[in-house]
């Protein structure tokens, strides 16, 4: 399992695709997906 913080951005979205193609479980983390590094919202569950 790999978590990409900023996974919906320019680099993050491309990185998520590449990691998924390599067979890994990838979580694209961003405030839009309920994971916010500024507030801490959703971080613990995302990184488990």
ModelCIF file with pLDDT and N, C-alpha, C, O atoms, coordinates in Angstrom:
data_MODEL
#
_entry.id   MODEL 
#
_entity.id                         1 
_entity.type                       polymer 
_entity.pdbx_number_of_molecules   1 
#
_entity_poly.entity_id                      1 
_entity_poly.type                           'polypeptide(L)' 
_entity_poly.nstd_linkage                   no 
_entity_poly.nstd_monomer                   no 
_entity_poly.pdbx_seq_one_letter_code       
;(UNK)(UNK)(UNK)(UNK)(UNK)(UNK)(UNK)(UNK)(UNK)(UNK)(UNK)(UNK)(UNK)(UNK)(UNK)(UNK)
(UNK)(UNK)(UNK)(UNK)(UNK)(UNK)(UNK)(UNK)(UNK)(UNK)(UNK)(UNK)(UNK)(UNK)(UNK)(UNK)
(UNK)(UNK)(UNK)(UNK)(UNK)(UNK)(UNK)(UNK)(UNK)(UNK)(UNK)(UNK)(UNK)(UNK)(UNK)(UNK)
;
_entity_poly.pdbx_seq_one_letter_code_can   XXXXXXXXXXXXXXXXXXXXXXXXXXXXXXXXXXXXXXXXXXXXXXXX 
_entity_poly.pdbx_strand_id                 A 
#
loop_
_entity_poly_seq.entity_id 
_entity_poly_seq.num 
_entity_poly_seq.mon_id 
_entity_poly_seq.hetero 
1 1  UNK n 
1 2  UNK n 
1 3  UNK n 
1 4  UNK n 
1 5  UNK n 
1 6  UNK n 
1 7  UNK n 
1 8  UNK n 
1 9  UNK n 
1 10 UNK n 
1 11 UNK n 
1 12 UNK n 
1 13 UNK n 
1 14 UNK n 
1 15 UNK n 
1 16 UNK n 
1 17 UNK n 
1 18 UNK n 
1 19 UNK n 
1 20 UNK n 
1 21 UNK n 
1 22 UNK n 
1 23 UNK n 
1 24 UNK n 
1 25 UNK n 
1 26 UNK n 
1 27 UNK n 
1 28 UNK n 
1 29 UNK n 
1 30 UNK n 
1 31 UNK n 
1 32 UNK n 
1 33 UNK n 
1 34 UNK n 
1 35 UNK n 
1 36 UNK n 
1 37 UNK n 
1 38 UNK n 
1 39 UNK n 
1 40 UNK n 
1 41 UNK n 
1 42 UNK n 
1 43 UNK n 
1 44 UNK n 
1 45 UNK n 
1 46 UNK n 
1 47 UNK n 
1 48 UNK n 
#
_struct_asym.id          A 
_struct_asym.entity_id   1 
#
loop_
_ma_qa_metric.id 
_ma_qa_metric.mode 
_ma_qa_metric.name 
_ma_qa_metric.software_group_id 
_ma_qa_metric.type 
1 global pLDDT . pLDDT 
2 local  pLDDT . pLDDT 
#
_ma_qa_metric_global.metric_id      1 
_ma_qa_metric_global.metric_value   96.67 
_ma_qa_metric_global.model_id       1 
_ma_qa_metric_global.ordinal_id     1 
#
loop_
_ma_qa_metric_local.label_asym_id 
_ma_qa_metric_local.label_comp_id 
_ma_qa_metric_local.label_seq_id 
_ma_qa_metric_local.metric_id 
_ma_qa_metric_local.metric_value 
_ma_qa_metric_local.model_id 
_ma_qa_metric_local.ordinal_id 
A UNK 1  2 98.00 1 1  
A UNK 2  2 98.00 1 2  
A UNK 3  2 98.00 1 3  
A UNK 4  2 98.00 1 4  
A UNK 5  2 98.00 1 5  
A UNK 6  2 97.00 1 6  
A UNK 7  2 96.00 1 7  
A UNK 8  2 94.00 1 8  
A UNK 9  2 95.00 1 9  
A UNK 10 2 96.00 1 10 
A UNK 11 2 97.00 1 11 
A UNK 12 2 97.00 1 12 
A UNK 13 2 97.00 1 13 
A UNK 14 2 98.00 1 14 
A UNK 15 2 98.00 1 15 
A UNK 16 2 98.00 1 16 
A UNK 17 2 98.00 1 17 
A UNK 18 2 98.00 1 18 
A UNK 19 2 98.00 1 19 
A UNK 20 2 98.00 1 20 
A UNK 21 2 98.00 1 21 
A UNK 22 2 97.00 1 22 
A UNK 23 2 97.00 1 23 
A UNK 24 2 98.00 1 24 
A UNK 25 2 98.00 1 25 
A UNK 26 2 98.00 1 26 
A UNK 27 2 98.00 1 27 
A UNK 28 2 97.00 1 28 
A UNK 29 2 97.00 1 29 
A UNK 30 2 94.00 1 30 
A UNK 31 2 93.00 1 31 
A UNK 32 2 91.00 1 32 
A UNK 33 2 93.00 1 33 
A UNK 34 2 95.00 1 34 
A UNK 35 2 97.00 1 35 
A UNK 36 2 96.00 1 36 
A UNK 37 2 97.00 1 37 
A UNK 38 2 95.00 1 38 
A UNK 39 2 95.00 1 39 
A UNK 40 2 95.00 1 40 
A UNK 41 2 96.00 1 41 
A UNK 42 2 97.00 1 42 
A UNK 43 2 97.00 1 43 
A UNK 44 2 97.00 1 44 
A UNK 45 2 97.00 1 45 
A UNK 46 2 97.00 1 46 
A UNK 47 2 98.00 1 47 
A UNK 48 2 97.00 1 48 
#
loop_
_atom_site.group_PDB 
_atom_site.id 
_atom_site.type_symbol 
_atom_site.label_atom_id 
_atom_site.label_alt_id 
_atom_site.label_comp_id 
_atom_site.label_asym_id 
_atom_site.label_entity_id 
_atom_site.label_seq_id 
_atom_site.pdbx_PDB_ins_code 
_atom_site.Cartn_x 
_atom_site.Cartn_y 
_atom_site.Cartn_z 
_atom_site.occupancy 
_atom_site.B_iso_or_equiv 
_atom_site.pdbx_formal_charge 
_atom_site.auth_seq_id 
_atom_site.auth_comp_id 
_atom_site.auth_asym_id 
_atom_site.auth_atom_id 
_atom_site.pdbx_PDB_model_num 
ATOM 1   N N  . UNK A 1 1  ? 0.844   -1.187 0.000   1.00 98.00 ? 1  UNK A N  1 
ATOM 2   C CA . UNK A 1 1  ? 0.000   0.000  0.000   1.00 98.00 ? 1  UNK A CA 1 
ATOM 3   C C  . UNK A 1 1  ? 0.882   1.241  0.000   1.00 98.00 ? 1  UNK A C  1 
ATOM 4   O O  . UNK A 1 1  ? 1.799   1.373  0.810   1.00 98.00 ? 1  UNK A O  1 
ATOM 5   N N  . UNK A 1 2  ? 0.581   2.152  -0.935  1.00 98.00 ? 2  UNK A N  1 
ATOM 6   C CA . UNK A 1 2  ? 1.307   3.408  -1.062  1.00 98.00 ? 2  UNK A CA 1 
ATOM 7   C C  . UNK A 1 2  ? 0.294   4.543  -1.068  1.00 98.00 ? 2  UNK A C  1 
ATOM 8   O O  . UNK A 1 2  ? -0.681  4.506  -1.818  1.00 98.00 ? 2  UNK A O  1 
ATOM 9   N N  . UNK A 1 3  ? 0.522   5.541  -0.241  1.00 98.00 ? 3  UNK A N  1 
ATOM 10  C CA . UNK A 1 3  ? -0.354  6.707  -0.180  1.00 98.00 ? 3  UNK A CA 1 
ATOM 11  C C  . UNK A 1 3  ? 0.354   7.876  -0.850  1.00 98.00 ? 3  UNK A C  1 
ATOM 12  O O  . UNK A 1 3  ? 1.497   8.195  -0.521  1.00 98.00 ? 3  UNK A O  1 
ATOM 13  N N  . UNK A 1 4  ? -0.329  8.506  -1.783  1.00 98.00 ? 4  UNK A N  1 
ATOM 14  C CA . UNK A 1 4  ? 0.228   9.673  -2.479  1.00 98.00 ? 4  UNK A CA 1 
ATOM 15  C C  . UNK A 1 4  ? -0.519  10.913 -2.018  1.00 98.00 ? 4  UNK A C  1 
ATOM 16  O O  . UNK A 1 4  ? -1.682  11.111 -2.370  1.00 98.00 ? 4  UNK A O  1 
ATOM 17  N N  . UNK A 1 5  ? 0.145   11.744 -1.236  1.00 98.00 ? 5  UNK A N  1 
ATOM 18  C CA . UNK A 1 5  ? -0.441  13.000 -0.771  1.00 98.00 ? 5  UNK A CA 1 
ATOM 19  C C  . UNK A 1 5  ? -0.352  14.002 -1.915  1.00 98.00 ? 5  UNK A C  1 
ATOM 20  O O  . UNK A 1 5  ? 0.725   14.236 -2.462  1.00 98.00 ? 5  UNK A O  1 
ATOM 21  N N  . UNK A 1 6  ? -1.489  14.590 -2.274  1.00 97.00 ? 6  UNK A N  1 
ATOM 22  C CA . UNK A 1 6  ? -1.538  15.410 -3.487  1.00 97.00 ? 6  UNK A CA 1 
ATOM 23  C C  . UNK A 1 6  ? -1.753  14.548 -4.709  1.00 97.00 ? 6  UNK A C  1 
ATOM 24  O O  . UNK A 1 6  ? -1.313  14.886 -5.807  1.00 97.00 ? 6  UNK A O  1 
ATOM 25  N N  . UNK A 1 7  ? -2.429  13.435 -4.513  1.00 96.00 ? 7  UNK A N  1 
ATOM 26  C CA . UNK A 1 7  ? -2.568  12.429 -5.565  1.00 96.00 ? 7  UNK A CA 1 
ATOM 27  C C  . UNK A 1 7  ? -3.476  12.798 -6.709  1.00 96.00 ? 7  UNK A C  1 
ATOM 28  O O  . UNK A 1 7  ? -3.562  12.058 -7.688  1.00 96.00 ? 7  UNK A O  1 
ATOM 29  N N  . UNK A 1 8  ? -4.169  13.943 -6.612  1.00 94.00 ? 8  UNK A N  1 
ATOM 30  C CA . UNK A 1 8  ? -5.031  14.364 -7.721  1.00 94.00 ? 8  UNK A CA 1 
ATOM 31  C C  . UNK A 1 8  ? -4.399  15.481 -8.538  1.00 94.00 ? 8  UNK A C  1 
ATOM 32  O O  . UNK A 1 8  ? -5.008  15.961 -9.494  1.00 94.00 ? 8  UNK A O  1 
ATOM 33  N N  . UNK A 1 9  ? -3.189  15.904 -8.181  1.00 95.00 ? 9  UNK A N  1 
ATOM 34  C CA . UNK A 1 9  ? -2.531  17.010 -8.867  1.00 95.00 ? 9  UNK A CA 1 
ATOM 35  C C  . UNK A 1 9  ? -1.768  16.581 -10.105 1.00 95.00 ? 9  UNK A C  1 
ATOM 36  O O  . UNK A 1 9  ? -1.860  15.434 -10.541 1.00 95.00 ? 9  UNK A O  1 
ATOM 37  N N  . UNK A 1 10 ? -1.007  17.526 -10.671 1.00 96.00 ? 10 UNK A N  1 
ATOM 38  C CA . UNK A 1 10 ? -0.283  17.294 -11.922 1.00 96.00 ? 10 UNK A CA 1 
ATOM 39  C C  . UNK A 1 10 ? 0.642   16.087 -11.823 1.00 96.00 ? 10 UNK A C  1 
ATOM 40  O O  . UNK A 1 10 ? 0.568   15.182 -12.654 1.00 96.00 ? 10 UNK A O  1 
ATOM 41  N N  . UNK A 1 11 ? 1.513   16.064 -10.813 1.00 97.00 ? 11 UNK A N  1 
ATOM 42  C CA . UNK A 1 11 ? 2.445   14.950 -10.642 1.00 97.00 ? 11 UNK A CA 1 
ATOM 43  C C  . UNK A 1 11 ? 1.755   13.773 -9.974  1.00 97.00 ? 11 UNK A C  1 
ATOM 44  O O  . UNK A 1 11 ? 1.937   12.624 -10.376 1.00 97.00 ? 11 UNK A O  1 
ATOM 45  N N  . UNK A 1 12 ? 0.970   14.064 -8.962  1.00 97.00 ? 12 UNK A N  1 
ATOM 46  C CA . UNK A 1 12 ? 0.337   13.003 -8.191  1.00 97.00 ? 12 UNK A CA 1 
ATOM 47  C C  . UNK A 1 12 ? -0.532  12.083 -9.015  1.00 97.00 ? 12 UNK A C  1 
ATOM 48  O O  . UNK A 1 12 ? -0.480  10.866 -8.843  1.00 97.00 ? 12 UNK A O  1 
ATOM 49  N N  . UNK A 1 13 ? -1.333  12.642 -9.910  1.00 97.00 ? 13 UNK A N  1 
ATOM 50  C CA . UNK A 1 13 ? -2.232  11.798 -10.712 1.00 97.00 ? 13 UNK A CA 1 
ATOM 51  C C  . UNK A 1 13 ? -1.438  10.876 -11.631 1.00 97.00 ? 13 UNK A C  1 
ATOM 52  O O  . UNK A 1 13 ? -1.811  9.718  -11.820 1.00 97.00 ? 13 UNK A O  1 
ATOM 53  N N  . UNK A 1 14 ? -0.343  11.382 -12.205 1.00 98.00 ? 14 UNK A N  1 
ATOM 54  C CA . UNK A 1 14 ? 0.504   10.536 -13.061 1.00 98.00 ? 14 UNK A CA 1 
ATOM 55  C C  . UNK A 1 14 ? 1.216   9.469  -12.232 1.00 98.00 ? 14 UNK A C  1 
ATOM 56  O O  . UNK A 1 14 ? 1.357   8.327  -12.670 1.00 98.00 ? 14 UNK A O  1 
ATOM 57  N N  . UNK A 1 15 ? 1.658   9.840  -11.047 1.00 98.00 ? 15 UNK A N  1 
ATOM 58  C CA . UNK A 1 15 ? 2.347   8.884  -10.176 1.00 98.00 ? 15 UNK A CA 1 
ATOM 59  C C  . UNK A 1 15 ? 1.402   7.771  -9.730  1.00 98.00 ? 15 UNK A C  1 
ATOM 60  O O  . UNK A 1 15 ? 1.786   6.601  -9.717  1.00 98.00 ? 15 UNK A O  1 
ATOM 61  N N  . UNK A 1 16 ? 0.188   8.121  -9.368  1.00 98.00 ? 16 UNK A N  1 
ATOM 62  C CA . UNK A 1 16 ? -0.799  7.116  -8.957  1.00 98.00 ? 16 UNK A CA 1 
ATOM 63  C C  . UNK A 1 16 ? -1.016  6.100  -10.068 1.00 98.00 ? 16 UNK A C  1 
ATOM 64  O O  . UNK A 1 16 ? -1.073  4.899  -9.803  1.00 98.00 ? 16 UNK A O  1 
ATOM 65  N N  . UNK A 1 17 ? -1.139  6.563  -11.306 1.00 98.00 ? 17 UNK A N  1 
ATOM 66  C CA . UNK A 1 17 ? -1.331  5.651  -12.436 1.00 98.00 ? 17 UNK A CA 1 
ATOM 67  C C  . UNK A 1 17 ? -0.148  4.709  -12.595 1.00 98.00 ? 17 UNK A C  1 
ATOM 68  O O  . UNK A 1 17 ? -0.333  3.515  -12.826 1.00 98.00 ? 17 UNK A O  1 
ATOM 69  N N  . UNK A 1 18 ? 1.053   5.231  -12.474 1.00 98.00 ? 18 UNK A N  1 
ATOM 70  C CA . UNK A 1 18 ? 2.247   4.407  -12.654 1.00 98.00 ? 18 UNK A CA 1 
ATOM 71  C C  . UNK A 1 18 ? 2.380   3.357  -11.553 1.00 98.00 ? 18 UNK A C  1 
ATOM 72  O O  . UNK A 1 18 ? 2.713   2.205  -11.828 1.00 98.00 ? 18 UNK A O  1 
ATOM 73  N N  . UNK A 1 19 ? 2.120   3.753  -10.317 1.00 98.00 ? 19 UNK A N  1 
ATOM 74  C CA . UNK A 1 19 ? 2.215   2.805  -9.202  1.00 98.00 ? 19 UNK A CA 1 
ATOM 75  C C  . UNK A 1 19 ? 1.151   1.715  -9.307  1.00 98.00 ? 19 UNK A C  1 
ATOM 76  O O  . UNK A 1 19 ? 1.414   0.552  -9.003  1.00 98.00 ? 19 UNK A O  1 
ATOM 77  N N  . UNK A 1 20 ? -0.045  2.095  -9.737  1.00 98.00 ? 20 UNK A N  1 
ATOM 78  C CA . UNK A 1 20 ? -1.115  1.112  -9.901  1.00 98.00 ? 20 UNK A CA 1 
ATOM 79  C C  . UNK A 1 20 ? -0.769  0.110  -10.997 1.00 98.00 ? 20 UNK A C  1 
ATOM 80  O O  . UNK A 1 20 ? -1.036  -1.085 -10.866 1.00 98.00 ? 20 UNK A O  1 
ATOM 81  N N  . UNK A 1 21 ? -0.167  0.611  -12.085 1.00 98.00 ? 21 UNK A N  1 
ATOM 82  C CA . UNK A 1 21 ? 0.232   -0.290 -13.176 1.00 98.00 ? 21 UNK A CA 1 
ATOM 83  C C  . UNK A 1 21 ? 1.320   -1.258 -12.719 1.00 98.00 ? 21 UNK A C  1 
ATOM 84  O O  . UNK A 1 21 ? 1.466   -2.346 -13.276 1.00 98.00 ? 21 UNK A O  1 
ATOM 85  N N  . UNK A 1 22 ? 2.076   -0.858 -11.707 1.00 97.00 ? 22 UNK A N  1 
ATOM 86  C CA . UNK A 1 22 ? 3.119   -1.744 -11.163 1.00 97.00 ? 22 UNK A CA 1 
ATOM 87  C C  . UNK A 1 22 ? 2.545   -2.751 -10.172 1.00 97.00 ? 22 UNK A C  1 
ATOM 88  O O  . UNK A 1 22 ? 3.284   -3.563 -9.616  1.00 97.00 ? 22 UNK A O  1 
ATOM 89  N N  . UNK A 1 23 ? 1.248   -2.705 -9.952  1.00 97.00 ? 23 UNK A N  1 
ATOM 90  C CA . UNK A 1 23 ? 0.590   -3.721 -9.146  1.00 97.00 ? 23 UNK A CA 1 
ATOM 91  C C  . UNK A 1 23 ? 0.403   -3.377 -7.681  1.00 97.00 ? 23 UNK A C  1 
ATOM 92  O O  . UNK A 1 23 ? 0.080   -4.251 -6.877  1.00 97.00 ? 23 UNK A O  1 
ATOM 93  N N  . UNK A 1 24 ? 0.601   -2.111 -7.319  1.00 98.00 ? 24 UNK A N  1 
ATOM 94  C CA . UNK A 1 24 ? 0.492   -1.730 -5.914  1.00 98.00 ? 24 UNK A CA 1 
ATOM 95  C C  . UNK A 1 24 ? -0.892  -1.178 -5.585  1.00 98.00 ? 24 UNK A C  1 
ATOM 96  O O  . UNK A 1 24 ? -1.617  -0.698 -6.458  1.00 98.00 ? 24 UNK A O  1 
ATOM 97  N N  . UNK A 1 25 ? -1.233  -1.259 -4.313  1.00 98.00 ? 25 UNK A N  1 
ATOM 98  C CA . UNK A 1 25 ? -2.465  -0.652 -3.813  1.00 98.00 ? 25 UNK A CA 1 
ATOM 99  C C  . UNK A 1 25 ? -2.157  0.816  -3.549  1.00 98.00 ? 25 UNK A C  1 
ATOM 100 O O  . UNK A 1 25 ? -1.375  1.137  -2.655  1.00 98.00 ? 25 UNK A O  1 
ATOM 101 N N  . UNK A 1 26 ? -2.768  1.706  -4.323  1.00 98.00 ? 26 UNK A N  1 
ATOM 102 C CA . UNK A 1 26 ? -2.426  3.121  -4.256  1.00 98.00 ? 26 UNK A CA 1 
ATOM 103 C C  . UNK A 1 26 ? -3.643  3.932  -3.826  1.00 98.00 ? 26 UNK A C  1 
ATOM 104 O O  . UNK A 1 26 ? -4.740  3.769  -4.361  1.00 98.00 ? 26 UNK A O  1 
ATOM 105 N N  . UNK A 1 27 ? -3.427  4.804  -2.855  1.00 98.00 ? 27 UNK A N  1 
ATOM 106 C CA . UNK A 1 27 ? -4.475  5.711  -2.390  1.00 98.00 ? 27 UNK A CA 1 
ATOM 107 C C  . UNK A 1 27 ? -4.078  7.127  -2.768  1.00 98.00 ? 27 UNK A C  1 
ATOM 108 O O  . UNK A 1 27 ? -3.047  7.630  -2.322  1.00 98.00 ? 27 UNK A O  1 
ATOM 109 N N  . UNK A 1 28 ? -4.902  7.771  -3.595  1.00 97.00 ? 28 UNK A N  1 
ATOM 110 C CA . UNK A 1 28 ? -4.679  9.169  -3.965  1.00 97.00 ? 28 UNK A CA 1 
ATOM 111 C C  . UNK A 1 28 ? -5.334  10.048 -2.908  1.00 97.00 ? 28 UNK A C  1 
ATOM 112 O O  . UNK A 1 28 ? -6.559  10.154 -2.847  1.00 97.00 ? 28 UNK A O  1 
ATOM 113 N N  . UNK A 1 29 ? -4.517  10.670 -2.086  1.00 97.00 ? 29 UNK A N  1 
ATOM 114 C CA . UNK A 1 29 ? -5.023  11.445 -0.945  1.00 97.00 ? 29 UNK A CA 1 
ATOM 115 C C  . UNK A 1 29 ? -5.049  12.931 -1.270  1.00 97.00 ? 29 UNK A C  1 
ATOM 116 O O  . UNK A 1 29 ? -4.061  13.494 -1.742  1.00 97.00 ? 29 UNK A O  1 
ATOM 117 N N  . UNK A 1 30 ? -6.185  13.553 -1.013  1.00 94.00 ? 30 UNK A N  1 
ATOM 118 C CA . UNK A 1 30 ? -6.331  14.994 -1.205  1.00 94.00 ? 30 UNK A CA 1 
ATOM 119 C C  . UNK A 1 30 ? -7.551  15.439 -0.400  1.00 94.00 ? 30 UNK A C  1 
ATOM 120 O O  . UNK A 1 30 ? -8.363  14.604 -0.004  1.00 94.00 ? 30 UNK A O  1 
ATOM 121 N N  . UNK A 1 31 ? -7.691  16.744 -0.154  1.00 93.00 ? 31 UNK A N  1 
ATOM 122 C CA . UNK A 1 31 ? -8.885  17.209 0.564   1.00 93.00 ? 31 UNK A CA 1 
ATOM 123 C C  . UNK A 1 31 ? -10.184 16.787 -0.112  1.00 93.00 ? 31 UNK A C  1 
ATOM 124 O O  . UNK A 1 31 ? -11.185 16.547 0.563   1.00 93.00 ? 31 UNK A O  1 
ATOM 125 N N  . UNK A 1 32 ? -10.172 16.694 -1.444  1.00 91.00 ? 32 UNK A N  1 
ATOM 126 C CA . UNK A 1 32 ? -11.381 16.280 -2.157  1.00 91.00 ? 32 UNK A CA 1 
ATOM 127 C C  . UNK A 1 32 ? -11.765 14.838 -1.862  1.00 91.00 ? 32 UNK A C  1 
ATOM 128 O O  . UNK A 1 32 ? -12.925 14.454 -2.007  1.00 91.00 ? 32 UNK A O  1 
ATOM 129 N N  . UNK A 1 33 ? -10.773 14.032 -1.442  1.00 93.00 ? 33 UNK A N  1 
ATOM 130 C CA . UNK A 1 33 ? -11.068 12.641 -1.099  1.00 93.00 ? 33 UNK A CA 1 
ATOM 131 C C  . UNK A 1 33 ? -11.235 12.467 0.417   1.00 93.00 ? 33 UNK A C  1 
ATOM 132 O O  . UNK A 1 33 ? -11.285 11.343 0.917   1.00 93.00 ? 33 UNK A O  1 
ATOM 133 N N  . UNK A 1 34 ? -11.321 13.592 1.143   1.00 95.00 ? 34 UNK A N  1 
ATOM 134 C CA . UNK A 1 34 ? -11.553 13.533 2.584   1.00 95.00 ? 34 UNK A CA 1 
ATOM 135 C C  . UNK A 1 34 ? -10.290 13.344 3.405   1.00 95.00 ? 34 UNK A C  1 
ATOM 136 O O  . UNK A 1 34 ? -10.363 12.988 4.581   1.00 95.00 ? 34 UNK A O  1 
ATOM 137 N N  . UNK A 1 35 ? -9.116  13.582 2.791   1.00 97.00 ? 35 UNK A N  1 
ATOM 138 C CA . UNK A 1 35 ? -7.841  13.423 3.502   1.00 97.00 ? 35 UNK A CA 1 
ATOM 139 C C  . UNK A 1 35 ? -7.114  14.760 3.458   1.00 97.00 ? 35 UNK A C  1 
ATOM 140 O O  . UNK A 1 35 ? -6.661  15.193 2.398   1.00 97.00 ? 35 UNK A O  1 
ATOM 141 N N  . UNK A 1 36 ? -7.004  15.406 4.601   1.00 96.00 ? 36 UNK A N  1 
ATOM 142 C CA . UNK A 1 36 ? -6.498  16.774 4.657   1.00 96.00 ? 36 UNK A CA 1 
ATOM 143 C C  . UNK A 1 36 ? -5.307  16.851 5.599   1.00 96.00 ? 36 UNK A C  1 
ATOM 144 O O  . UNK A 1 36 ? -5.452  16.682 6.810   1.00 96.00 ? 36 UNK A O  1 
ATOM 145 N N  . UNK A 1 37 ? -4.126  17.107 5.037   1.00 97.00 ? 37 UNK A N  1 
ATOM 146 C CA . UNK A 1 37 ? -2.931  17.159 5.879   1.00 97.00 ? 37 UNK A CA 1 
ATOM 147 C C  . UNK A 1 37 ? -2.883  18.413 6.743   1.00 97.00 ? 37 UNK A C  1 
ATOM 148 O O  . UNK A 1 37 ? -2.199  18.428 7.766   1.00 97.00 ? 37 UNK A O  1 
ATOM 149 N N  . UNK A 1 38 ? -3.593  19.461 6.350   1.00 95.00 ? 38 UNK A N  1 
ATOM 150 C CA . UNK A 1 38 ? -3.600  20.686 7.162   1.00 95.00 ? 38 UNK A CA 1 
ATOM 151 C C  . UNK A 1 38 ? -4.396  20.511 8.443   1.00 95.00 ? 38 UNK A C  1 
ATOM 152 O O  . UNK A 1 38 ? -3.980  20.978 9.503   1.00 95.00 ? 38 UNK A O  1 
ATOM 153 N N  . UNK A 1 39 ? -5.537  19.842 8.352   1.00 95.00 ? 39 UNK A N  1 
ATOM 154 C CA . UNK A 1 39 ? -6.384  19.644 9.526   1.00 95.00 ? 39 UNK A CA 1 
ATOM 155 C C  . UNK A 1 39 ? -6.152  18.285 10.182  1.00 95.00 ? 39 UNK A C  1 
ATOM 156 O O  . UNK A 1 39 ? -6.519  18.080 11.339  1.00 95.00 ? 39 UNK A O  1 
ATOM 157 N N  . UNK A 1 40 ? -5.549  17.365 9.450   1.00 95.00 ? 40 UNK A N  1 
ATOM 158 C CA . UNK A 1 40 ? -5.365  16.006 9.940   1.00 95.00 ? 40 UNK A CA 1 
ATOM 159 C C  . UNK A 1 40 ? -6.534  15.100 9.634   1.00 95.00 ? 40 UNK A C  1 
ATOM 160 O O  . UNK A 1 40 ? -6.489  13.905 9.928   1.00 95.00 ? 40 UNK A O  1 
ATOM 161 N N  . UNK A 1 41 ? -7.585  15.654 9.045   1.00 96.00 ? 41 UNK A N  1 
ATOM 162 C CA . UNK A 1 41 ? -8.785  14.867 8.736   1.00 96.00 ? 41 UNK A CA 1 
ATOM 163 C C  . UNK A 1 41 ? -8.462  13.686 7.832   1.00 96.00 ? 41 UNK A C  1 
ATOM 164 O O  . UNK A 1 41 ? -7.881  13.857 6.761   1.00 96.00 ? 41 UNK A O  1 
ATOM 165 N N  . UNK A 1 42 ? -8.840  12.486 8.266   1.00 97.00 ? 42 UNK A N  1 
ATOM 166 C CA . UNK A 1 42 ? -8.710  11.297 7.450   1.00 97.00 ? 42 UNK A CA 1 
ATOM 167 C C  . UNK A 1 42 ? -7.313  10.716 7.333   1.00 97.00 ? 42 UNK A C  1 
ATOM 168 O O  . UNK A 1 42 ? -7.128  9.681  6.693   1.00 97.00 ? 42 UNK A O  1 
ATOM 169 N N  . UNK A 1 43 ? -6.321  11.370 7.944   1.00 97.00 ? 43 UNK A N  1 
ATOM 170 C CA . UNK A 1 43 ? -4.941  10.912 7.762   1.00 97.00 ? 43 UNK A CA 1 
ATOM 171 C C  . UNK A 1 43 ? -4.693  9.544  8.385   1.00 97.00 ? 43 UNK A C  1 
ATOM 172 O O  . UNK A 1 43 ? -4.103  8.671  7.748   1.00 97.00 ? 43 UNK A O  1 
ATOM 173 N N  . UNK A 1 44 ? -5.132  9.351  9.607   1.00 97.00 ? 44 UNK A N  1 
ATOM 174 C CA . UNK A 1 44 ? -4.864  8.093  10.302  1.00 97.00 ? 44 UNK A CA 1 
ATOM 175 C C  . UNK A 1 44 ? -5.434  6.906  9.533   1.00 97.00 ? 44 UNK A C  1 
ATOM 176 O O  . UNK A 1 44 ? -4.764  5.888  9.359   1.00 97.00 ? 44 UNK A O  1 
ATOM 177 N N  . UNK A 1 45 ? -6.662  7.044  9.080   1.00 97.00 ? 45 UNK A N  1 
ATOM 178 C CA . UNK A 1 45 ? -7.298  5.945  8.343   1.00 97.00 ? 45 UNK A CA 1 
ATOM 179 C C  . UNK A 1 45 ? -6.607  5.717  7.007   1.00 97.00 ? 45 UNK A C  1 
ATOM 180 O O  . UNK A 1 45 ? -6.435  4.576  6.578   1.00 97.00 ? 45 UNK A O  1 
ATOM 181 N N  . UNK A 1 46 ? -6.205  6.812  6.344   1.00 97.00 ? 46 UNK A N  1 
ATOM 182 C CA . UNK A 1 46 ? -5.570  6.692  5.034   1.00 97.00 ? 46 UNK A CA 1 
ATOM 183 C C  . UNK A 1 46 ? -4.229  5.981  5.126   1.00 97.00 ? 46 UNK A C  1 
ATOM 184 O O  . UNK A 1 46 ? -3.887  5.190  4.248   1.00 97.00 ? 46 UNK A O  1 
ATOM 185 N N  . UNK A 1 47 ? -3.463  6.254  6.183   1.00 98.00 ? 47 UNK A N  1 
ATOM 186 C CA . UNK A 1 47 ? -2.114  5.707  6.303   1.00 98.00 ? 47 UNK A CA 1 
ATOM 187 C C  . UNK A 1 47 ? -2.070  4.324  6.946   1.00 98.00 ? 47 UNK A C  1 
ATOM 188 O O  . UNK A 1 47 ? -1.019  3.684  6.960   1.00 98.00 ? 47 UNK A O  1 
ATOM 189 N N  . UNK A 1 48 ? -3.185  3.862  7.472   1.00 97.00 ? 48 UNK A N  1 
ATOM 190 C CA . UNK A 1 48 ? -3.206  2.538  8.104   1.00 97.00 ? 48 UNK A CA 1 
ATOM 191 C C  . UNK A 1 48 ? -2.777  1.470  7.099   1.00 97.00 ? 48 UNK A C  1 
ATOM 192 O O  . UNK A 1 48 ? -2.729  0.287  7.438   1.00 97.00 ? 48 UNK A O  1 
#
